[in-house]
Amino acid sequence: MATDLPELPPDAFAKVDPSPDTRFYAQPRFVTHIDDAAIAAVTALYRGLFPPGGAVLDLMSSWVSHLPPEIAYREVVGHGLNASELAANPRLTRSFVQDLNADPALPLADGSMDAAGCCVSVQYLQAPVDVFREVRRVLAAGAPFAVTFSNRCFPTKAVAIWQALTGDDQARLVGLYLDRAGFTGVEMRLLIRRGGGGDPLWAVIGRG
């Protein structure tokens, strides 16, 4: 981590609750973590980025994927920490359970995915550059990786650097992760502004 992000403090990726994430996520949570407007914004983003008929990786997924309902994909591979949540997700064609903080290596072939998304979960990664490097490996050349987030989190499980920052600075942090992982054309978008009465939403996008 020091090699990837030497400018960050040594405890940047510490958590209040250092116990294995598999324990925290052992019980399924069949809830959504952003409001309807933010979900619609994620769906619209995916609609514009992810190629119809392609293979999509839904990283750190749950029982919903927020993919456009009218678009068919060849394959949607879901990753998460709770098997029951993944099994309940109707968009997934296959899935796998893995603690990326313990093992960032994805069980997917090089260049096998045409797009990837990570929705409201990046704040929990303790080795984000390692994970993002793996995402880049499994993406086809030039394929998009969209990372979206709001201002919500489980505070005992979000890393320290995330909680020390807010919106735009968090987006710049995610952009740094993508850059260090080798993504190109990194772009930050404010999809929903704060103060509108609902959940704000940011997206950071890189190309593999």
Protein backbone atom coordinates (compact mmCIF):
# COMPACT_ATOMS: atom_id res chain seq x y z
CA MET A 1 0.00 0.00 0.00
CA ALA A 2 2.82 2.42 0.81
CA THR A 3 4.25 1.77 -2.65
CA ASP A 4 0.92 2.43 -4.38
CA LEU A 5 -0.13 5.47 -2.34
CA PRO A 6 2.93 6.84 -0.51
CA GLU A 7 1.36 10.26 -0.05
CA LEU A 8 -1.35 8.93 2.27
CA PRO A 9 -0.83 8.51 6.03
CA PRO A 10 0.16 5.03 7.23
CA ASP A 11 -3.19 4.44 8.94
CA ALA A 12 -5.26 5.65 5.96
CA PHE A 13 -6.93 2.29 5.48
CA ALA A 14 -7.51 1.40 9.13
CA LYS A 15 -11.04 0.62 10.29
CA VAL A 16 -12.78 1.16 13.62
CA ASP A 17 -13.87 -2.48 13.42
CA PRO A 18 -10.83 -4.46 12.23
CA SER A 19 -12.60 -7.84 12.37
CA PRO A 20 -12.97 -9.76 9.07
CA ASP A 21 -15.59 -8.22 6.80
CA THR A 22 -17.08 -11.67 6.24
CA ARG A 23 -18.31 -11.57 9.85
CA PHE A 24 -19.96 -8.16 9.44
CA TYR A 25 -21.74 -9.21 6.24
CA ALA A 26 -22.70 -12.72 7.42
CA GLN A 27 -26.37 -11.69 7.75
CA PRO A 28 -28.09 -10.60 4.53
CA ARG A 29 -29.35 -7.02 4.25
CA PHE A 30 -32.16 -6.79 1.73
CA VAL A 31 -32.17 -3.01 1.66
CA THR A 32 -30.98 -0.35 -0.75
CA HIS A 33 -28.26 2.01 0.42
CA ILE A 34 -29.22 5.05 -1.67
CA ASP A 35 -32.60 6.61 -2.46
CA ASP A 36 -34.66 6.17 -5.63
CA ALA A 37 -33.27 9.25 -7.38
CA ALA A 38 -29.69 8.14 -6.80
CA ILE A 39 -30.51 4.61 -7.98
CA ALA A 40 -32.02 6.08 -11.16
CA ALA A 41 -28.84 8.12 -11.69
CA VAL A 42 -26.67 5.00 -11.35
CA THR A 43 -28.92 3.18 -13.84
CA ALA A 44 -28.69 6.08 -16.31
CA LEU A 45 -24.91 6.10 -15.97
CA TYR A 46 -24.72 2.37 -16.69
CA ARG A 47 -27.10 2.79 -19.64
CA GLY A 48 -24.71 5.22 -21.25
CA LEU A 49 -21.49 3.34 -20.45
CA PHE A 50 -22.08 -0.41 -20.54
CA PRO A 51 -22.36 -2.00 -24.00
CA PRO A 52 -25.60 -3.93 -24.67
CA GLY A 53 -24.86 -7.62 -25.11
CA GLY A 54 -21.57 -7.33 -23.25
CA ALA A 55 -20.25 -9.07 -20.15
CA VAL A 56 -20.56 -6.93 -17.00
CA LEU A 57 -18.81 -7.30 -13.65
CA ASP A 58 -20.86 -6.01 -10.72
CA LEU A 59 -18.20 -5.65 -8.04
CA MET A 60 -19.22 -5.56 -4.37
CA SER A 61 -22.79 -6.32 -5.40
CA SER A 62 -25.92 -7.23 -3.47
CA TRP A 63 -29.48 -8.32 -4.24
CA VAL A 64 -29.88 -5.50 -6.79
CA SER A 65 -27.50 -4.32 -9.52
CA HIS A 66 -29.18 -1.10 -10.77
CA LEU A 67 -28.61 -2.14 -14.39
CA PRO A 68 -31.01 -0.77 -17.03
CA PRO A 69 -33.96 -3.21 -17.07
CA GLU A 70 -34.50 -2.87 -20.82
CA ILE A 71 -30.94 -3.81 -21.80
CA ALA A 72 -29.81 -7.43 -22.12
CA TYR A 73 -26.21 -8.35 -21.35
CA ARG A 74 -24.47 -11.53 -22.39
CA GLU A 75 -23.38 -12.10 -18.81
CA VAL A 76 -23.56 -10.30 -15.48
CA VAL A 77 -21.06 -11.58 -12.95
CA GLY A 78 -21.73 -10.51 -9.39
CA HIS A 79 -19.25 -10.37 -6.55
CA GLY A 80 -20.17 -9.80 -2.93
CA LEU A 81 -19.82 -10.93 0.67
CA ASN A 82 -23.21 -12.52 1.22
CA ALA A 83 -24.31 -15.52 -0.82
CA SER A 84 -28.01 -15.06 0.00
CA GLU A 85 -28.00 -11.50 -1.32
CA LEU A 86 -26.27 -12.53 -4.53
CA ALA A 87 -28.63 -15.48 -5.02
CA ALA A 88 -31.61 -13.11 -4.81
CA ASN A 89 -30.26 -10.79 -7.53
CA PRO A 90 -32.22 -11.53 -10.74
CA ARG A 91 -29.70 -9.80 -13.02
CA LEU A 92 -26.77 -12.03 -12.14
CA THR A 93 -25.93 -14.98 -14.38
CA ARG A 94 -23.27 -16.15 -11.93
CA SER A 95 -21.68 -14.88 -8.76
CA PHE A 96 -18.91 -15.47 -6.25
CA VAL A 97 -18.33 -14.57 -2.62
CA GLN A 98 -14.91 -13.18 -1.73
CA ASP A 99 -13.41 -10.81 0.84
CA LEU A 100 -11.37 -8.47 -1.36
CA ASN A 101 -9.62 -7.04 1.69
CA ALA A 102 -8.19 -10.50 2.37
CA ASP A 103 -7.65 -11.52 -1.26
CA PRO A 104 -7.97 -8.99 -4.11
CA ALA A 105 -7.33 -11.52 -6.91
CA LEU A 106 -10.50 -11.93 -8.98
CA PRO A 107 -11.32 -15.45 -10.26
CA LEU A 108 -11.93 -14.16 -13.79
CA ALA A 109 -9.97 -14.46 -17.02
CA ASP A 110 -7.92 -11.64 -18.48
CA GLY A 111 -9.97 -9.35 -20.73
CA SER A 112 -13.18 -11.30 -20.17
CA MET A 113 -15.41 -8.39 -19.08
CA ASP A 114 -16.74 -5.55 -21.24
CA ALA A 115 -17.65 -3.24 -18.33
CA ALA A 116 -17.51 -3.11 -14.55
CA GLY A 117 -19.34 -1.20 -11.85
CA CYS A 118 -18.84 -0.71 -8.13
CA CYS A 119 -21.80 0.99 -6.47
CA VAL A 120 -21.60 2.64 -3.02
CA SER A 121 -18.95 0.23 -1.73
CA VAL A 122 -15.51 1.63 -2.59
CA GLN A 123 -15.23 3.13 0.91
CA TYR A 124 -14.70 -0.33 2.43
CA LEU A 125 -11.64 -1.35 0.38
CA GLN A 126 -8.37 -1.49 2.30
CA ALA A 127 -6.20 -2.30 -0.72
CA PRO A 128 -8.11 -0.38 -3.41
CA VAL A 129 -5.28 -0.13 -5.91
CA ASP A 130 -4.72 -3.89 -5.80
CA VAL A 131 -8.44 -4.50 -6.35
CA PHE A 132 -8.70 -1.92 -9.13
CA ARG A 133 -5.62 -3.39 -10.80
CA GLU A 134 -7.44 -6.73 -10.86
CA VAL A 135 -10.53 -5.08 -12.35
CA ARG A 136 -8.37 -3.58 -15.08
CA ARG A 137 -6.86 -7.02 -15.78
CA VAL A 138 -10.26 -8.65 -16.34
CA LEU A 139 -11.59 -5.80 -18.49
CA ALA A 140 -11.26 -5.75 -22.27
CA ALA A 141 -9.07 -2.97 -23.66
CA GLY A 142 -10.81 0.39 -23.29
CA ALA A 143 -13.73 -1.03 -21.29
CA PRO A 144 -15.28 1.26 -18.65
CA PHE A 145 -15.13 0.88 -14.89
CA ALA A 146 -17.69 3.07 -13.08
CA VAL A 147 -17.33 3.70 -9.35
CA THR A 148 -20.30 5.45 -7.75
CA PHE A 149 -20.75 6.63 -4.18
CA SER A 150 -22.91 8.82 -1.98
CA ASN A 151 -22.46 10.18 1.54
CA ARG A 152 -23.63 7.05 3.34
CA CYS A 153 -21.55 4.23 4.80
CA PHE A 154 -21.23 1.78 7.65
CA PRO A 155 -18.86 3.95 9.72
CA THR A 156 -17.17 1.11 11.58
CA LYS A 157 -16.22 -0.53 8.28
CA ALA A 158 -15.34 2.47 6.08
CA VAL A 159 -11.60 3.19 5.98
CA ALA A 160 -10.18 6.16 7.86
CA ILE A 161 -9.12 8.21 4.83
CA TRP A 162 -12.64 7.99 3.40
CA GLN A 163 -14.22 9.30 6.57
CA ALA A 164 -11.70 12.15 6.77
CA LEU A 165 -12.86 13.46 3.36
CA THR A 166 -16.13 14.54 1.76
CA GLY A 167 -17.69 14.33 -1.71
CA ASP A 168 -15.40 16.03 -4.22
CA ASP A 169 -12.26 15.05 -2.31
CA GLN A 170 -13.52 11.47 -2.09
CA ALA A 171 -13.99 11.53 -5.86
CA ARG A 172 -10.41 12.72 -6.27
CA LEU A 173 -9.28 9.88 -3.99
CA VAL A 174 -11.09 7.31 -6.15
CA GLY A 175 -9.54 8.94 -9.20
CA LEU A 176 -6.13 8.45 -7.58
CA TYR A 177 -6.91 4.75 -7.01
CA LEU A 178 -7.84 4.35 -10.68
CA ASP A 179 -4.79 6.21 -11.90
CA ARG A 180 -2.39 4.15 -9.76
CA ALA A 181 -4.10 0.97 -10.97
CA GLY A 182 -3.35 1.92 -14.57
CA PHE A 183 -6.73 3.14 -15.78
CA THR A 184 -6.79 5.86 -18.43
CA GLY A 185 -9.14 8.74 -19.18
CA VAL A 186 -10.20 9.01 -15.54
CA GLU A 187 -13.28 11.23 -15.28
CA MET A 188 -15.14 12.53 -12.23
CA ARG A 189 -18.83 13.40 -12.44
CA LEU A 190 -21.18 14.95 -9.90
CA LEU A 191 -24.47 13.23 -10.75
CA ILE A 192 -26.65 14.64 -7.95
CA ARG A 193 -25.67 17.71 -5.94
CA ARG A 194 -25.84 17.92 -2.17
CA GLY A 195 -28.61 19.93 -0.60
CA GLY A 196 -31.42 18.86 -2.88
CA GLY A 197 -33.27 16.91 -0.23
CA GLY A 198 -32.04 13.49 -1.34
CA ASP A 199 -28.85 11.51 -1.57
CA PRO A 200 -25.97 13.16 -3.43
CA LEU A 201 -24.12 10.99 -5.92
CA TRP A 202 -20.69 11.04 -7.52
CA ALA A 203 -19.21 8.82 -10.22
CA VAL A 204 -15.58 8.26 -11.12
CA ILE A 205 -14.94 6.43 -14.38
CA GLY A 206 -11.79 4.94 -15.83
CA ARG A 207 -11.00 2.92 -18.94
CA GLY A 208 -9.13 -0.35 -18.84
